[in-house]
C-alpha atoms as a PDB file:
ATOM      1  CA  UNK A   1    -111.340  30.859  35.490  1.00  0.00           C
ATOM      2  CA  UNK A   2    -109.938  33.096  33.532  1.00  0.00           C
ATOM      3  CA  UNK A   3    -109.915  37.080  33.029  1.00  0.00           C
ATOM      4  CA  UNK A   4    -110.013  39.099  29.377  1.00  0.00           C
ATOM      5  CA  UNK A   5    -106.783  40.143  27.658  1.00  0.00           C
ATOM      6  CA  UNK A   6    -107.938  44.321  28.584  1.00  0.00           C
ATOM      7  CA  UNK A   7    -107.169  42.886  32.489  1.00  0.00           C
ATOM      8  CA  UNK A   8    -103.988  41.418  31.623  1.00  0.00           C
ATOM      9  CA  UNK A   9    -100.714  43.257  32.420  1.00  0.00           C
ATOM     10  CA  UNK A  10     -97.244  43.385  32.169  1.00  0.00           C
ATOM     11  CA  UNK A  11     -95.820  40.337  34.645  1.00  0.00           C
ATOM     12  CA  UNK A  12     -99.170  38.214  34.272  1.00  0.00           C
ATOM     13  CA  UNK A  13     -98.735  34.403  34.427  1.00  0.00           C
ATOM     14  CA  UNK A  14    -100.364  33.183  32.361  1.00  0.00           C
ATOM     15  CA  UNK A  15    -100.941  29.173  31.668  1.00  0.00           C
ATOM     16  CA  UNK A  16    -101.653  28.868  27.787  1.00  0.00           C
ATOM     17  CA  UNK A  17    -101.170  25.130  26.044  1.00  0.00           C
ATOM     18  CA  UNK A  18     -99.792  23.395  28.719  1.00  0.00           C
ATOM     19  CA  UNK A  19     -96.537  25.946  29.699  1.00  0.00           C
ATOM     20  CA  UNK A  20     -96.101  29.246  31.700  1.00  0.00           C
ATOM     21  CA  UNK A  21     -95.819  32.451  30.282  1.00  0.00           C
ATOM     22  CA  UNK A  22     -94.596  34.906  31.728  1.00  0.00           C
ATOM     23  CA  UNK A  23     -95.764  38.855  29.338  1.00  0.00           C
ATOM     24  CA  UNK A  24     -92.958  41.261  28.794  1.00  0.00           C
ATOM     25  CA  UNK A  25     -94.505  43.067  27.003  1.00  0.00           C
ATOM     26  CA  UNK A  26     -97.788  44.553  27.218  1.00  0.00           C
ATOM     27  CA  UNK A  27     -99.983  46.748  23.530  1.00  0.00           C
ATOM     28  CA  UNK A  28    -103.397  47.488  23.563  1.00  0.00           C
ATOM     29  CA  UNK A  29    -104.256  48.710  20.240  1.00  0.00           C
ATOM     30  CA  UNK A  30    -107.208  50.335  18.536  1.00  0.00           C
ATOM     31  CA  UNK A  31    -107.437  50.585  15.026  1.00  0.00           C
ATOM     32  CA  UNK A  32    -110.510  53.440  13.575  1.00  0.00           C
ATOM     33  CA  UNK A  33    -111.980  50.926  12.504  1.00  0.00           C
ATOM     34  CA  UNK A  34    -113.120  47.010  14.082  1.00  0.00           C
ATOM     35  CA  UNK A  35    -112.002  45.790  17.733  1.00  0.00           C
ATOM     36  CA  UNK A  36    -109.030  45.811  20.050  1.00  0.00           C
ATOM     37  CA  UNK A  37    -106.084  44.364  19.360  1.00  0.00           C
ATOM     38  CA  UNK A  38    -104.183  43.358  22.606  1.00  0.00           C
ATOM     39  CA  UNK A  39    -100.356  42.285  21.180  1.00  0.00           C
ATOM     40  CA  UNK A  40     -98.052  40.890  24.042  1.00  0.00           C
ATOM     41  CA  UNK A  41     -94.922  39.455  24.265  1.00  0.00           C
ATOM     42  CA  UNK A  42     -94.204  36.224  26.326  1.00  0.00           C
ATOM     43  CA  UNK A  43     -91.541  34.580  28.365  1.00  0.00           C
ATOM     44  CA  UNK A  44     -92.199  30.870  28.635  1.00  0.00           C
ATOM     45  CA  UNK A  45     -91.010  30.049  32.162  1.00  0.00           C
ATOM     46  CA  UNK A  46     -90.366  27.065  31.754  1.00  0.00           C
ATOM     47  CA  UNK A  47     -87.484  26.847  29.006  1.00  0.00           C
ATOM     48  CA  UNK A  48     -86.890  30.720  28.340  1.00  0.00           C
ATOM     49  CA  UNK A  49     -88.601  30.888  24.910  1.00  0.00           C
ATOM     50  CA  UNK A  50     -90.135  34.429  23.866  1.00  0.00           C
ATOM     51  CA  UNK A  51     -93.115  34.225  22.354  1.00  0.00           C
ATOM     52  CA  UNK A  52     -95.526  36.315  21.038  1.00  0.00           C
ATOM     53  CA  UNK A  53     -99.747  36.509  21.505  1.00  0.00           C
ATOM     54  CA  UNK A  54    -102.139  38.597  19.172  1.00  0.00           C
ATOM     55  CA  UNK A  55    -105.170  38.644  20.842  1.00  0.00           C
ATOM     56  CA  UNK A  56    -109.245  39.917  20.185  1.00  0.00           C
ATOM     57  CA  UNK A  57    -109.814  42.267  23.838  1.00  0.00           C
ATOM     58  CA  UNK A  58    -112.723  40.183  25.407  1.00  0.00           C
ATOM     59  CA  UNK A  59    -110.638  36.583  24.748  1.00  0.00           C
ATOM     60  CA  UNK A  60    -110.005  35.283  28.220  1.00  0.00           C
ATOM     61  CA  UNK A  61    -106.852  34.129  29.519  1.00  0.00           C
ATOM     62  CA  UNK A  62    -106.094  31.267  32.321  1.00  0.00           C
ATOM     63  CA  UNK A  63    -103.538  33.093  35.112  1.00  0.00           C
ATOM     64  CA  UNK A  64    -101.221  30.865  36.879  1.00  0.00           C
ATOM     65  CA  UNK A  65    -101.737  30.845  40.938  1.00  0.00           C
ATOM     66  CA  UNK A  66     -97.511  31.198  41.935  1.00  0.00           C
ATOM     67  CA  UNK A  67     -95.923  31.145  45.046  1.00  0.00           C
ATOM     68  CA  UNK A  68     -93.265  32.330  47.009  1.00  0.00           C
ATOM     69  CA  UNK A  69     -90.808  30.760  49.515  1.00  0.00           C
ATOM     70  CA  UNK A  70     -87.502  32.029  50.961  1.00  0.00           C
ATOM     71  CA  UNK A  71     -84.983  30.004  50.060  1.00  0.00           C
ATOM     72  CA  UNK A  72     -81.268  30.086  50.492  1.00  0.00           C
ATOM     73  CA  UNK A  73     -78.772  29.766  47.552  1.00  0.00           C
ATOM     74  CA  UNK A  74     -76.299  27.291  48.072  1.00  0.00           C
ATOM     75  CA  UNK A  75     -73.873  27.094  45.047  1.00  0.00           C
ATOM     76  CA  UNK A  76     -73.471  26.753  41.368  1.00  0.00           C
ATOM     77  CA  UNK A  77     -73.421  22.819  40.119  1.00  0.00           C
ATOM     78  CA  UNK A  78     -72.077  23.057  36.951  1.00  0.00           C
ATOM     79  CA  UNK A  79     -74.447  22.626  34.166  1.00  0.00           C
ATOM     80  CA  UNK A  80     -76.881  20.832  36.172  1.00  0.00           C
ATOM     81  CA  UNK A  81     -77.433  24.822  37.309  1.00  0.00           C
ATOM     82  CA  UNK A  82     -77.734  26.376  40.668  1.00  0.00           C
ATOM     83  CA  UNK A  83     -78.916  25.086  43.858  1.00  0.00           C
ATOM     84  CA  UNK A  84     -81.146  26.414  46.481  1.00  0.00           C
ATOM     85  CA  UNK A  85     -82.995  25.085  50.055  1.00  0.00           C
ATOM     86  CA  UNK A  86     -85.720  25.798  50.792  1.00  0.00           C
ATOM     87  CA  UNK A  87     -85.727  27.460  54.041  1.00  0.00           C
ATOM     88  CA  UNK A  88     -88.419  25.926  55.869  1.00  0.00           C
ATOM     89  CA  UNK A  89     -88.549  22.325  54.924  1.00  0.00           C
ATOM     90  CA  UNK A  90     -85.455  21.989  54.100  1.00  0.00           C
ATOM     91  CA  UNK A  91     -85.559  20.565  50.763  1.00  0.00           C
ATOM     92  CA  UNK A  92     -82.794  20.983  48.148  1.00  0.00           C
ATOM     93  CA  UNK A  93     -83.340  22.090  44.315  1.00  0.00           C
ATOM     94  CA  UNK A  94     -81.550  22.796  41.076  1.00  0.00           C
ATOM     95  CA  UNK A  95     -82.868  25.807  39.408  1.00  0.00           C
ATOM     96  CA  UNK A  96     -81.740  25.771  35.435  1.00  0.00           C
ATOM     97  CA  UNK A  97     -79.158  27.669  33.940  1.00  0.00           C
ATOM     98  CA  UNK A  98     -81.839  28.551  30.872  1.00  0.00           C
ATOM     99  CA  UNK A  99     -83.875  29.828  33.524  1.00  0.00           C
ATOM    100  CA  UNK A 100     -82.282  31.886  36.157  1.00  0.00           C
ATOM    101  CA  UNK A 101     -78.823  31.856  34.717  1.00  0.00           C
ATOM    102  CA  UNK A 102     -78.838  36.035  33.730  1.00  0.00           C
ATOM    103  CA  UNK A 103     -80.098  36.820  37.337  1.00  0.00           C
ATOM    104  CA  UNK A 104     -77.824  34.660  39.337  1.00  0.00           C
ATOM    105  CA  UNK A 105     -74.971  37.470  38.957  1.00  0.00           C
ATOM    106  CA  UNK A 106     -77.153  39.193  41.331  1.00  0.00           C
ATOM    107  CA  UNK A 107     -76.803  36.856  43.909  1.00  0.00           C
ATOM    108  CA  UNK A 108     -74.385  35.759  46.793  1.00  0.00           C
ATOM    109  CA  UNK A 109     -73.784  31.986  48.037  1.00  0.00           C
ATOM    110  CA  UNK A 110     -75.213  31.248  50.877  1.00  0.00           C
ATOM    111  CA  UNK A 111     -78.375  34.642  50.567  1.00  0.00           C
ATOM    112  CA  UNK A 112     -81.442  34.260  50.881  1.00  0.00           C
ATOM    113  CA  UNK A 113     -84.367  34.565  47.998  1.00  0.00           C
ATOM    114  CA  UNK A 114     -87.942  34.221  46.991  1.00  0.00           C
ATOM    115  CA  UNK A 115     -88.283  31.952  44.280  1.00  0.00           C
ATOM    116  CA  UNK A 116     -91.573  30.870  42.615  1.00  0.00           C
ATOM    117  CA  UNK A 117     -93.022  27.875  42.303  1.00  0.00           C
ATOM    118  CA  UNK A 118     -96.121  26.736  40.052  1.00  0.00           C
ATOM    119  CA  UNK A 119     -97.596  22.673  41.187  1.00  0.00           C
ATOM    120  CA  UNK A 120     -95.122  22.549  43.764  1.00  0.00           C
ATOM    121  CA  UNK A 121     -92.499  23.164  40.913  1.00  0.00           C
ATOM    122  CA  UNK A 122     -89.537  25.430  41.291  1.00  0.00           C
ATOM    123  CA  UNK A 123     -89.671  28.041  37.813  1.00  0.00           C
ATOM    124  CA  UNK A 124     -87.960  31.464  38.850  1.00  0.00           C
ATOM    125  CA  UNK A 125     -86.332  33.625  41.430  1.00  0.00           C
ATOM    126  CA  UNK A 126     -87.838  37.291  42.620  1.00  0.00           C
ATOM    127  CA  UNK A 127     -84.211  39.701  42.965  1.00  0.00           C
ATOM    128  CA  UNK A 128     -85.360  42.860  45.282  1.00  0.00           C
ATOM    129  CA  UNK A 129     -84.926  46.308  44.100  1.00  0.00           C
ATOM    130  CA  UNK A 130     -81.266  46.354  44.608  1.00  0.00           C
ATOM    131  CA  UNK A 131     -78.432  44.232  46.167  1.00  0.00           C
ATOM    132  CA  UNK A 132     -74.989  46.055  47.600  1.00  0.00           C
ATOM    133  CA  UNK A 133     -71.821  43.602  45.907  1.00  0.00           C
ATOM    134  CA  UNK A 134     -67.754  43.871  46.509  1.00  0.00           C
ATOM    135  CA  UNK A 135     -65.996  44.917  43.702  1.00  0.00           C
ATOM    136  CA  UNK A 136     -62.881  42.760  43.202  1.00  0.00           C
ATOM    137  CA  UNK A 137     -61.871  43.674  39.809  1.00  0.00           C
ATOM    138  CA  UNK A 138     -61.547  47.067  38.759  1.00  0.00           C
ATOM    139  CA  UNK A 139     -59.986  48.867  35.368  1.00  0.00           C
ATOM    140  CA  UNK A 140     -57.327  51.397  36.281  1.00  0.00           C
ATOM    141  CA  UNK A 141     -58.568  55.275  36.373  1.00  0.00           C
ATOM    142  CA  UNK A 142     -56.823  56.941  33.569  1.00  0.00           C
ATOM    143  CA  UNK A 143     -55.289  60.785  34.095  1.00  0.00           C
ATOM    144  CA  UNK A 144     -57.299  63.780  33.215  1.00  0.00           C
ATOM    145  CA  UNK A 145     -60.306  61.365  31.758  1.00  0.00           C
ATOM    146  CA  UNK A 146     -63.273  63.105  34.965  1.00  0.00           C
ATOM    147  CA  UNK A 147     -64.113  65.619  31.880  1.00  0.00           C
ATOM    148  CA  UNK A 148     -67.589  64.194  32.307  1.00  0.00           C
ATOM    149  CA  UNK A 149     -69.382  61.409  33.249  1.00  0.00           C
ATOM    150  CA  UNK A 150     -66.644  58.261  32.875  1.00  0.00           C
ATOM    151  CA  UNK A 151     -67.342  54.753  33.355  1.00  0.00           C
ATOM    152  CA  UNK A 152     -64.753  51.691  33.326  1.00  0.00           C
ATOM    153  CA  UNK A 153     -65.493  48.114  33.564  1.00  0.00           C
ATOM    154  CA  UNK A 154     -65.559  46.586  36.745  1.00  0.00           C
ATOM    155  CA  UNK A 155     -66.536  42.508  38.431  1.00  0.00           C
ATOM    156  CA  UNK A 156     -68.255  42.401  41.033  1.00  0.00           C
ATOM    157  CA  UNK A 157     -67.837  38.521  43.356  1.00  0.00           C
ATOM    158  CA  UNK A 158     -70.552  36.960  42.066  1.00  0.00           C
ATOM    159  CA  UNK A 159     -68.272  37.540  38.779  1.00  0.00           C
ATOM    160  CA  UNK A 160     -70.510  39.772  37.374  1.00  0.00           C
ATOM    161  CA  UNK A 161     -68.912  41.939  34.590  1.00  0.00           C
ATOM    162  CA  UNK A 162     -70.819  45.886  35.243  1.00  0.00           C
ATOM    163  CA  UNK A 163     -69.456  49.357  34.927  1.00  0.00           C
ATOM    164  CA  UNK A 164     -69.121  52.591  37.399  1.00  0.00           C
ATOM    165  CA  UNK A 165     -68.005  55.651  37.762  1.00  0.00           C
ATOM    166  CA  UNK A 166     -63.755  55.789  37.863  1.00  0.00           C
ATOM    167  CA  UNK A 167     -63.429  56.481  41.199  1.00  0.00           C
ATOM    168  CA  UNK A 168     -64.457  52.727  41.911  1.00  0.00           C
ATOM    169  CA  UNK A 169     -61.918  50.660  42.885  1.00  0.00           C
ATOM    170  CA  UNK A 170     -61.106  46.840  43.764  1.00  0.00           C
ATOM    171  CA  UNK A 171     -62.666  46.009  47.767  1.00  0.00           C
ATOM    172  CA  UNK A 172     -65.171  49.222  47.371  1.00  0.00           C
ATOM    173  CA  UNK A 173     -69.206  48.005  48.352  1.00  0.00           C
ATOM    174  CA  UNK A 174     -71.776  49.218  44.992  1.00  0.00           C
ATOM    175  CA  UNK A 175     -74.944  48.980  44.914  1.00  0.00           C
ATOM    176  CA  UNK A 176     -77.125  47.877  41.708  1.00  0.00           C
ATOM    177  CA  UNK A 177     -79.962  48.545  40.668  1.00  0.00           C
ATOM    178  CA  UNK A 178     -81.703  44.184  39.637  1.00  0.00           C
ATOM    179  CA  UNK A 179     -84.010  45.405  36.961  1.00  0.00           C
ATOM    180  CA  UNK A 180     -80.835  46.773  34.472  1.00  0.00           C
ATOM    181  CA  UNK A 181     -77.685  46.117  35.872  1.00  0.00           C
ATOM    182  CA  UNK A 182     -76.737  48.895  36.835  1.00  0.00           C
ATOM    183  CA  UNK A 183     -74.583  51.338  39.275  1.00  0.00           C
ATOM    184  CA  UNK A 184     -76.521  53.233  41.860  1.00  0.00           C
ATOM    185  CA  UNK A 185     -74.293  54.226  44.297  1.00  0.00           C
ATOM    186  CA  UNK A 186     -71.424  53.076  46.602  1.00  0.00           C
ATOM    187  CA  UNK A 187     -72.293  52.303  49.926  1.00  0.00           C
ATOM    188  CA  UNK A 188     -69.970  52.824  53.258  1.00  0.00           C
END
């Protein structure tokens, strides 16, 4: 059973050629003459590779049903990736650097996070909209650099490098958007 291409949306996971693809961009084009065309950009959830699909509006796609579970991020295991533990079954599993590496800068060790599974296989993480992390290093502000919205480099406790306003210093807790990686505010 599938759904028509016009019913798909950004963020939907589909199965195509035994691969799980998440739709990262979706465009519905209606030329002046002829049938509507759907153009989608996708990312393979197992390998991380990107691609594009061009389909007619009536073409059917199989939607993959995913399960999300609360898991605890335990530690990073070198090149093998990141080790998680299911909070219900206490089973441990790895997620590769290629699959979730770009998101792990927002996750502290020992914190709970939702992990997405497909057929009992972990395929990704679902981050909250924002996280609070402690700044461990921050450049020193230059006196007189306050005329406009000036930003400086900083590093948070997970090793993620970010841009923050000049009034932020080491030891401050900052709130970051996980979608864009942007500084939102200082938390006190």
